[in-house]
Amino acid sequence: MSKCSADETPVCCCVDVGTVMDNTDCTASWSRVFATKAEAEKMLAELTAKARQAESEPCQITPRFTEEAEGVRMDVDFVFACQAEALIFQLGLR
């Protein structure tokens, strides 16, 4: 079940929209390991462009780069003005 304890119907995976969209989670997080930092920065630019398309007010974008054995991990938090924008951004990445 979701963390907001929505009343979810197991058969159709339906939830009460008022519970899901209560504007308490305006952050979308994204993470992936890249071979090089240049590849990670290229993806950051693409994600930033998508976030700018979804925002009504400037989205706060906080990237973090961590060296790992496999390459460079990029973790990014996108903090939007409202939960609907975060959801639009996340759906646009699918």
C-alpha atoms as a PDB file:
ATOM      1  CA  MET A   1       0.000   0.000   0.000  1.00  0.00           C
ATOM      2  CA  SER A   2       1.032   3.590  -0.409  1.00  0.00           C
ATOM      3  CA  LYS A   3       2.592   5.595   2.369  1.00  0.00           C
ATOM      4  CA  CYS A   4      -0.397   7.948   2.538  1.00  0.00           C
ATOM      5  CA  SER A   5      -2.623   5.010   3.496  1.00  0.00           C
ATOM      6  CA  ALA A   6      -4.994   5.404   0.593  1.00  0.00           C
ATOM      7  CA  ASP A   7      -7.951   3.080   0.402  1.00  0.00           C
ATOM      8  CA  GLU A   8      -6.760   0.964  -2.487  1.00  0.00           C
ATOM      9  CA  THR A   9      -8.857  -1.651  -4.263  1.00  0.00           C
ATOM     10  CA  PRO A  10      -6.602  -4.652  -5.045  1.00  0.00           C
ATOM     11  CA  VAL A  11      -8.706  -5.738  -8.023  1.00  0.00           C
ATOM     12  CA  CYS A  12      -8.479  -2.578 -10.122  1.00  0.00           C
ATOM     13  CA  CYS A  13      -5.580  -0.742  -8.387  1.00  0.00           C
ATOM     14  CA  CYS A  14      -7.792   2.299  -7.882  1.00  0.00           C
ATOM     15  CA  VAL A  15      -7.065   4.897  -5.226  1.00  0.00           C
ATOM     16  CA  ASP A  16      -8.878   7.954  -3.972  1.00  0.00           C
ATOM     17  CA  VAL A  17      -7.384  10.867  -5.934  1.00  0.00           C
ATOM     18  CA  GLY A  18      -7.828  13.221  -3.002  1.00  0.00           C
ATOM     19  CA  THR A  19      -5.557  11.006  -0.925  1.00  0.00           C
ATOM     20  CA  VAL A  20      -2.894  10.642  -3.599  1.00  0.00           C
ATOM     21  CA  MET A  21      -2.859  14.308  -4.625  1.00  0.00           C
ATOM     22  CA  ASP A  22      -2.781  15.928  -1.182  1.00  0.00           C
ATOM     23  CA  ASN A  23       0.179  18.183  -2.097  1.00  0.00           C
ATOM     24  CA  THR A  24       2.438  16.765   0.624  1.00  0.00           C
ATOM     25  CA  ASP A  25       5.025  15.290  -1.766  1.00  0.00           C
ATOM     26  CA  CYS A  26       6.216  17.791  -4.351  1.00  0.00           C
ATOM     27  CA  THR A  27       9.587  16.078  -4.862  1.00  0.00           C
ATOM     28  CA  ALA A  28      10.466  13.730  -7.695  1.00  0.00           C
ATOM     29  CA  SER A  29      13.754  11.848  -7.277  1.00  0.00           C
ATOM     30  CA  TRP A  30      15.794  10.177 -10.022  1.00  0.00           C
ATOM     31  CA  SER A  31      18.948   8.029  -9.878  1.00  0.00           C
ATOM     32  CA  ARG A  32      21.183   6.123 -12.283  1.00  0.00           C
ATOM     33  CA  VAL A  33      24.820   5.049 -12.698  1.00  0.00           C
ATOM     34  CA  PHE A  34      26.649   6.301 -15.792  1.00  0.00           C
ATOM     35  CA  ALA A  35      29.991   5.279 -17.259  1.00  0.00           C
ATOM     36  CA  THR A  36      31.253   8.890 -17.179  1.00  0.00           C
ATOM     37  CA  LYS A  37      30.335  12.176 -15.539  1.00  0.00           C
ATOM     38  CA  ALA A  38      29.869  13.712 -18.996  1.00  0.00           C
ATOM     39  CA  GLU A  39      27.091  11.188 -19.724  1.00  0.00           C
ATOM     40  CA  ALA A  40      25.493  11.975 -16.377  1.00  0.00           C
ATOM     41  CA  GLU A  41      25.624  15.714 -17.055  1.00  0.00           C
ATOM     42  CA  LYS A  42      24.053  15.195 -20.484  1.00  0.00           C
ATOM     43  CA  MET A  43      21.164  13.319 -18.853  1.00  0.00           C
ATOM     44  CA  LEU A  44      20.875  16.045 -16.213  1.00  0.00           C
ATOM     45  CA  ALA A  45      20.396  18.601 -18.998  1.00  0.00           C
ATOM     46  CA  GLU A  46      17.645  16.454 -20.553  1.00  0.00           C
ATOM     47  CA  LEU A  47      15.899  15.965 -17.202  1.00  0.00           C
ATOM     48  CA  THR A  48      16.172  19.669 -16.443  1.00  0.00           C
ATOM     49  CA  ALA A  49      14.491  20.513 -19.766  1.00  0.00           C
ATOM     50  CA  LYS A  50      11.632  18.113 -18.951  1.00  0.00           C
ATOM     51  CA  ALA A  51      11.261  19.615 -15.473  1.00  0.00           C
ATOM     52  CA  ARG A  52      11.102  23.118 -16.940  1.00  0.00           C
ATOM     53  CA  GLN A  53       8.232  21.987 -19.182  1.00  0.00           C
ATOM     54  CA  ALA A  54       6.226  20.778 -16.164  1.00  0.00           C
ATOM     55  CA  GLU A  55       6.898  23.666 -13.775  1.00  0.00           C
ATOM     56  CA  SER A  56       4.621  26.636 -13.097  1.00  0.00           C
ATOM     57  CA  GLU A  57       7.199  28.223 -10.802  1.00  0.00           C
ATOM     58  CA  PRO A  58      10.940  27.538 -10.903  1.00  0.00           C
ATOM     59  CA  CYS A  59      11.640  23.931  -9.915  1.00  0.00           C
ATOM     60  CA  GLN A  60      14.496  23.464  -7.443  1.00  0.00           C
ATOM     61  CA  ILE A  61      16.890  20.923  -8.966  1.00  0.00           C
ATOM     62  CA  THR A  62      19.540  19.368  -6.732  1.00  0.00           C
ATOM     63  CA  PRO A  63      21.952  16.943  -8.439  1.00  0.00           C
ATOM     64  CA  ARG A  64      24.515  14.847  -6.565  1.00  0.00           C
ATOM     65  CA  PHE A  65      27.338  12.942  -8.249  1.00  0.00           C
ATOM     66  CA  THR A  66      29.048  10.029  -6.499  1.00  0.00           C
ATOM     67  CA  GLU A  67      32.006   8.031  -7.822  1.00  0.00           C
ATOM     68  CA  GLU A  68      31.333   4.284  -7.731  1.00  0.00           C
ATOM     69  CA  ALA A  69      33.156   1.219  -9.012  1.00  0.00           C
ATOM     70  CA  GLU A  70      30.762   1.005 -11.983  1.00  0.00           C
ATOM     71  CA  GLY A  71      31.078   4.711 -12.855  1.00  0.00           C
ATOM     72  CA  VAL A  72      29.342   7.857 -11.655  1.00  0.00           C
ATOM     73  CA  ARG A  73      26.017   7.727  -9.816  1.00  0.00           C
ATOM     74  CA  MET A  74      23.792  10.727 -10.365  1.00  0.00           C
ATOM     75  CA  ASP A  75      20.992  11.301  -7.862  1.00  0.00           C
ATOM     76  CA  VAL A  76      18.710  14.252  -8.553  1.00  0.00           C
ATOM     77  CA  ASP A  77      15.845  15.737  -6.567  1.00  0.00           C
ATOM     78  CA  PHE A  78      13.315  17.922  -8.376  1.00  0.00           C
ATOM     79  CA  VAL A  79      11.181  19.995  -5.997  1.00  0.00           C
ATOM     80  CA  PHE A  80       8.112  21.379  -7.752  1.00  0.00           C
ATOM     81  CA  ALA A  81       5.616  24.021  -6.612  1.00  0.00           C
ATOM     82  CA  CYS A  82       2.880  21.378  -6.334  1.00  0.00           C
ATOM     83  CA  GLN A  83       2.440  17.621  -6.372  1.00  0.00           C
ATOM     84  CA  ALA A  84       0.613  17.675  -9.716  1.00  0.00           C
ATOM     85  CA  GLU A  85       3.716  19.083 -11.428  1.00  0.00           C
ATOM     86  CA  ALA A  86       5.891  16.370  -9.867  1.00  0.00           C
ATOM     87  CA  LEU A  87       3.462  13.742 -11.121  1.00  0.00           C
ATOM     88  CA  ILE A  88       3.368  15.252 -14.635  1.00  0.00           C
ATOM     89  CA  PHE A  89       7.182  15.237 -14.685  1.00  0.00           C
ATOM     90  CA  GLN A  90       7.368  11.618 -13.527  1.00  0.00           C
ATOM     91  CA  LEU A  91       4.788  10.461 -16.061  1.00  0.00           C
ATOM     92  CA  GLY A  92       6.682  12.282 -18.793  1.00  0.00           C
ATOM     93  CA  LEU A  93       9.759  10.166 -18.029  1.00  0.00           C
ATOM     94  CA  ARG A  94       7.949   6.877 -18.723  1.00  0.00           C
END
